[in-house]
Amino acid sequence: MSGGVGRYIGLAGIAAMVALAVAGPLLVGHDPARQNLMASLLPPLSDGHLLGTDHLGRDMAARLLAGARITLSLAAFAVVSAACLGTGLGILAGWTGGIADRLLGAFADGVLALPGLLLVLLLAAIHPDSWWTLYAGLALTLWVEFFRMARARTRIVMAGPAVEAARLLGLGRRHIVQRHLWPELSTQVLTLAAFGAATVVTALATLGFISVGLRPPTPEWGVMMAELLPNWREAPWTVVAPVVCLALTVACLRLS
């Protein structure tokens, strides 16, 4: 598969997931939190439940789409925050140099020395089962990659003849950023954002599965896997469904 075709497939897949997540309540028509123990572990296409029900009789399709809203919104907020913070600080460090560059570089190296998942675990331990804690931990983990890329590219661009000519012509910083710096950074920022979103989706599911991130009854994919794993022999489709959602989301983000 060529890179261009794969990218279009990934973007189309992400767009479809976002559309389904947003329109989920209208499409499914079931409350993801409503329990019905008399209808537990129903197979797909049973009694109005498109993907069946879980061990508490909750609609699987409704819970999967609710989990998509949680996962995609957290990934979007974390990546956008990390991209803005990291790229901005990277441009500042690469542009000014000197003590600002050294201090920011040392701080980024210190954050990078701490495993990202460990940082998220520490914050989650302080305030468990919190969307905002996970958001902060994941954003603080991701910003370093944007910072290092932006700082390196800014140094190269600022030392180039195009920027030197712009300075000699008396053109301001805004012109340099818009015409010379941002075109060099934009493609790499978008690539890092896609990979960072895939990292967030995987980390969120991992933390939910080990009961460190979000916890039941939150309809998050990792939490759902942990809840439904004891029923995999009796109702394997309930475990497979969140795994497939997670795999497809990560694959589409990687392709895009």
Protein backbone atom coordinates (compact mmCIF):
# COMPACT_ATOMS: atom_id res chain seq x y z
CA MET A 1 0.00 0.00 0.00
CA SER A 2 1.46 3.36 -1.02
CA GLY A 3 1.89 6.11 1.53
CA GLY A 4 -0.70 8.37 -0.12
CA VAL A 5 -3.40 5.69 -0.25
CA GLY A 6 -2.69 4.62 3.32
CA ARG A 7 -2.92 8.21 4.51
CA TYR A 8 -6.31 8.70 2.87
CA ILE A 9 -7.56 5.44 4.38
CA GLY A 10 -6.36 6.53 7.81
CA LEU A 11 -7.97 9.97 7.54
CA ALA A 12 -11.23 8.46 6.28
CA GLY A 13 -11.23 5.97 9.15
CA ILE A 14 -10.67 8.69 11.75
CA ALA A 15 -13.38 10.86 10.21
CA ALA A 16 -15.82 7.93 10.28
CA MET A 17 -15.00 7.21 13.94
CA VAL A 18 -15.51 10.84 14.92
CA ALA A 19 -18.83 10.95 13.08
CA LEU A 20 -20.02 7.73 14.73
CA ALA A 21 -18.90 8.92 18.17
CA VAL A 22 -20.72 12.24 17.81
CA ALA A 23 -23.88 10.71 16.37
CA GLY A 24 -23.77 7.67 18.65
CA PRO A 25 -26.71 8.51 20.93
CA LEU A 26 -28.95 9.11 17.90
CA LEU A 27 -27.81 6.00 16.03
CA VAL A 28 -28.00 3.49 18.87
CA GLY A 29 -30.84 4.83 20.98
CA HIS A 30 -29.69 3.10 24.18
CA ASP A 31 -28.29 4.54 27.40
CA PRO A 32 -24.74 3.15 27.83
CA ALA A 33 -25.19 3.11 31.61
CA ARG A 34 -28.60 1.42 31.75
CA GLN A 35 -28.46 -2.10 33.22
CA ASN A 36 -30.80 -5.00 32.59
CA LEU A 37 -29.65 -8.18 34.31
CA MET A 38 -32.42 -10.13 32.61
CA ALA A 39 -30.75 -9.42 29.25
CA SER A 40 -27.09 -9.98 30.08
CA LEU A 41 -24.60 -11.30 27.50
CA LEU A 42 -27.03 -11.25 24.62
CA PRO A 43 -25.38 -12.03 21.25
CA PRO A 44 -25.26 -9.41 18.48
CA LEU A 45 -28.52 -8.53 16.71
CA SER A 46 -30.58 -9.70 19.67
CA ASP A 47 -33.61 -7.85 21.02
CA GLY A 48 -32.68 -4.53 19.42
CA HIS A 49 -29.04 -4.62 20.53
CA LEU A 50 -26.81 -4.33 17.46
CA LEU A 51 -23.68 -5.70 19.15
CA GLY A 52 -25.38 -7.51 22.00
CA THR A 53 -25.08 -6.71 25.69
CA ASP A 54 -22.43 -7.04 28.38
CA HIS A 55 -22.53 -8.95 31.67
CA LEU A 56 -24.79 -6.30 33.23
CA GLY A 57 -27.16 -6.13 30.28
CA ARG A 58 -25.81 -2.80 29.02
CA ASP A 59 -25.89 -2.18 25.28
CA MET A 60 -22.44 -2.87 23.80
CA ALA A 61 -22.80 -0.55 20.81
CA ALA A 62 -23.81 2.36 23.04
CA ARG A 63 -20.89 1.74 25.38
CA LEU A 64 -18.38 1.40 22.54
CA LEU A 65 -19.49 4.70 21.02
CA ALA A 66 -19.41 6.40 24.43
CA GLY A 67 -15.88 5.02 24.85
CA ALA A 68 -14.97 6.46 21.45
CA ARG A 69 -16.10 9.91 22.59
CA ILE A 70 -13.97 9.66 25.73
CA THR A 71 -10.90 8.31 23.94
CA LEU A 72 -10.97 10.64 20.93
CA SER A 73 -11.71 13.76 22.97
CA LEU A 74 -8.89 13.01 25.41
CA ALA A 75 -6.48 12.27 22.54
CA ALA A 76 -7.43 15.50 20.76
CA PHE A 77 -7.09 17.72 23.83
CA ALA A 78 -3.82 16.14 24.94
CA VAL A 79 -2.20 16.30 21.49
CA VAL A 80 -3.31 19.86 20.74
CA SER A 81 -2.04 21.06 24.13
CA ALA A 82 1.26 19.22 23.73
CA ALA A 83 1.71 20.48 20.16
CA CYS A 84 1.05 24.12 21.07
CA LEU A 85 3.26 24.03 24.16
CA GLY A 86 6.10 22.02 22.66
CA THR A 87 6.20 23.79 19.30
CA GLY A 88 5.99 27.23 20.89
CA LEU A 89 8.79 26.52 23.36
CA GLY A 90 10.85 24.86 20.63
CA ILE A 91 10.59 27.92 18.40
CA LEU A 92 11.50 30.14 21.35
CA ALA A 93 14.55 28.05 22.22
CA GLY A 94 15.75 27.69 18.63
CA TRP A 95 15.15 31.36 17.82
CA THR A 96 16.72 33.00 20.87
CA GLY A 97 19.42 30.49 21.78
CA GLY A 98 21.57 31.32 24.77
CA ILE A 99 20.41 30.68 28.31
CA ALA A 100 16.75 30.22 27.33
CA ASP A 101 17.72 27.45 24.93
CA ARG A 102 19.89 25.73 27.53
CA LEU A 103 17.28 25.93 30.29
CA LEU A 104 14.44 24.69 28.12
CA GLY A 105 16.64 21.94 26.67
CA ALA A 106 17.66 20.79 30.15
CA PHE A 107 14.04 20.77 31.31
CA ALA A 108 12.97 18.75 28.26
CA ASP A 109 15.78 16.25 28.85
CA GLY A 110 14.68 15.89 32.46
CA VAL A 111 11.10 15.14 31.42
CA LEU A 112 12.35 12.75 28.74
CA ALA A 113 14.45 10.86 31.30
CA LEU A 114 11.28 9.94 33.19
CA PRO A 115 9.28 7.21 31.38
CA GLY A 116 6.10 8.74 30.02
CA LEU A 117 3.78 6.07 31.34
CA LEU A 118 5.33 6.39 34.79
CA LEU A 119 4.57 10.12 34.82
CA VAL A 120 0.94 9.42 33.97
CA LEU A 121 0.80 6.70 36.63
CA LEU A 122 2.12 9.10 39.27
CA LEU A 123 -0.50 11.71 38.45
CA ALA A 124 -3.24 9.09 38.26
CA ALA A 125 -2.23 7.77 41.68
CA ILE A 126 -2.57 11.27 43.14
CA HIS A 127 -6.03 11.78 41.67
CA PRO A 128 -7.44 8.48 40.36
CA ASP A 129 -10.38 8.12 37.98
CA SER A 130 -10.00 11.67 36.68
CA TRP A 131 -10.23 12.65 33.00
CA TRP A 132 -8.28 15.84 33.68
CA THR A 133 -5.46 14.03 35.47
CA LEU A 134 -4.99 11.71 32.50
CA TYR A 135 -5.13 14.67 30.14
CA ALA A 136 -2.45 16.56 32.07
CA GLY A 137 -0.16 13.55 32.38
CA LEU A 138 -0.39 12.60 28.71
CA ALA A 139 0.05 16.18 27.49
CA LEU A 140 3.13 16.62 29.69
CA THR A 141 4.53 13.41 28.26
CA LEU A 142 3.95 14.32 24.61
CA TRP A 143 5.17 17.92 24.46
CA VAL A 144 8.86 17.01 24.54
CA GLU A 145 8.83 15.45 21.06
CA PHE A 146 7.25 18.58 19.57
CA PHE A 147 9.77 20.73 21.43
CA ARG A 148 12.83 18.85 20.19
CA MET A 149 11.63 18.82 16.60
CA ALA A 150 10.67 22.51 16.58
CA ARG A 151 13.93 23.60 18.21
CA ALA A 152 16.08 21.65 15.74
CA ARG A 153 14.16 22.85 12.67
CA THR A 154 14.06 26.45 13.90
CA ARG A 155 17.83 26.52 14.27
CA ILE A 156 18.25 25.32 10.68
CA VAL A 157 15.70 27.73 9.21
CA MET A 158 16.94 30.75 11.15
CA ALA A 159 20.49 30.14 9.89
CA GLY A 160 19.33 29.82 6.27
CA PRO A 161 19.76 32.44 3.53
CA ALA A 162 16.00 33.06 3.17
CA VAL A 163 15.67 34.30 6.74
CA GLU A 164 18.87 36.34 6.43
CA ALA A 165 17.46 38.03 3.33
CA ALA A 166 14.15 38.70 5.11
CA ARG A 167 15.99 40.34 7.98
CA LEU A 168 18.05 42.51 5.61
CA LEU A 169 14.82 43.66 4.00
CA GLY A 170 13.50 44.67 7.41
CA LEU A 171 10.71 42.12 7.50
CA GLY A 172 9.40 41.35 10.97
CA ARG A 173 9.14 38.17 13.02
CA ARG A 174 5.58 37.52 11.95
CA HIS A 175 6.60 37.39 8.30
CA ILE A 176 9.50 35.06 9.07
CA VAL A 177 7.29 32.70 11.03
CA GLN A 178 4.48 32.64 8.47
CA ARG A 179 6.55 32.48 5.29
CA HIS A 180 9.68 30.58 6.32
CA LEU A 181 9.37 28.83 9.68
CA TRP A 182 5.84 27.43 9.86
CA PRO A 183 5.91 25.82 6.37
CA GLU A 184 8.99 23.88 7.52
CA LEU A 185 7.34 22.80 10.76
CA SER A 186 3.72 22.14 9.80
CA THR A 187 4.13 18.74 8.12
CA GLN A 188 6.25 17.36 10.95
CA VAL A 189 3.90 18.77 13.60
CA LEU A 190 0.95 16.99 11.98
CA THR A 191 2.90 13.74 11.74
CA LEU A 192 3.91 13.90 15.39
CA ALA A 193 0.31 14.75 16.31
CA ALA A 194 -1.01 11.62 14.60
CA PHE A 195 1.53 9.37 16.30
CA GLY A 196 0.97 11.16 19.60
CA ALA A 197 -2.78 10.57 19.37
CA ALA A 198 -2.15 6.88 18.76
CA THR A 199 0.06 6.84 21.86
CA VAL A 200 -2.68 8.50 23.93
CA VAL A 201 -5.30 6.00 22.77
CA THR A 202 -3.06 3.05 23.61
CA ALA A 203 -1.98 4.49 26.97
CA LEU A 204 -5.56 5.27 28.00
CA ALA A 205 -6.69 1.73 27.23
CA THR A 206 -3.68 0.27 29.04
CA LEU A 207 -4.30 2.33 32.16
CA GLY A 208 -8.01 1.48 32.11
CA PHE A 209 -7.26 -2.23 31.73
CA ILE A 210 -5.03 -2.26 34.83
CA SER A 211 -7.56 -0.11 36.79
CA VAL A 212 -5.22 2.85 37.17
CA GLY A 213 -6.86 5.28 34.75
CA LEU A 214 -10.60 5.58 34.37
CA ARG A 215 -12.64 3.02 36.29
CA PRO A 216 -16.00 1.26 36.04
CA PRO A 217 -18.71 2.06 35.19
CA THR A 218 -17.02 4.51 32.77
CA PRO A 219 -17.45 3.10 29.24
CA GLU A 220 -13.78 3.32 28.25
CA TRP A 221 -12.35 0.61 26.00
CA GLY A 222 -9.61 -0.56 28.39
CA VAL A 223 -12.06 -0.59 31.29
CA MET A 224 -14.50 -2.60 29.18
CA MET A 225 -11.83 -5.18 28.33
CA ALA A 226 -11.00 -5.64 32.00
CA GLU A 227 -14.68 -5.92 32.97
CA LEU A 228 -15.56 -8.39 30.23
CA LEU A 229 -12.45 -10.56 30.28
CA PRO A 230 -13.92 -13.06 32.81
CA ASN A 231 -16.75 -13.74 30.33
CA TRP A 232 -14.58 -14.39 27.28
CA ARG A 233 -15.47 -18.08 27.10
CA GLU A 234 -19.20 -17.54 27.41
CA ALA A 235 -19.43 -14.36 25.29
CA PRO A 236 -16.18 -13.78 23.35
CA TRP A 237 -17.75 -11.07 21.19
CA THR A 238 -17.97 -8.74 24.18
CA VAL A 239 -14.18 -8.80 24.63
CA VAL A 240 -13.40 -8.71 20.92
CA ALA A 241 -15.48 -5.57 20.27
CA PRO A 242 -13.41 -3.06 22.32
CA VAL A 243 -10.18 -4.71 21.14
CA VAL A 244 -11.21 -4.22 17.51
CA CYS A 245 -12.19 -0.58 18.18
CA LEU A 246 -8.83 0.09 19.81
CA ALA A 247 -6.86 -1.62 17.03
CA LEU A 248 -8.72 0.17 14.24
CA THR A 249 -8.31 3.56 15.91
CA VAL A 250 -4.56 3.13 16.43
CA ALA A 251 -4.10 1.78 12.88
CA CYS A 252 -5.97 4.72 11.33
CA LEU A 253 -3.98 7.23 13.38
CA ARG A 254 -0.70 5.59 12.37
CA LEU A 255 -1.70 5.61 8.70
CA SER A 256 -2.80 9.23 8.76
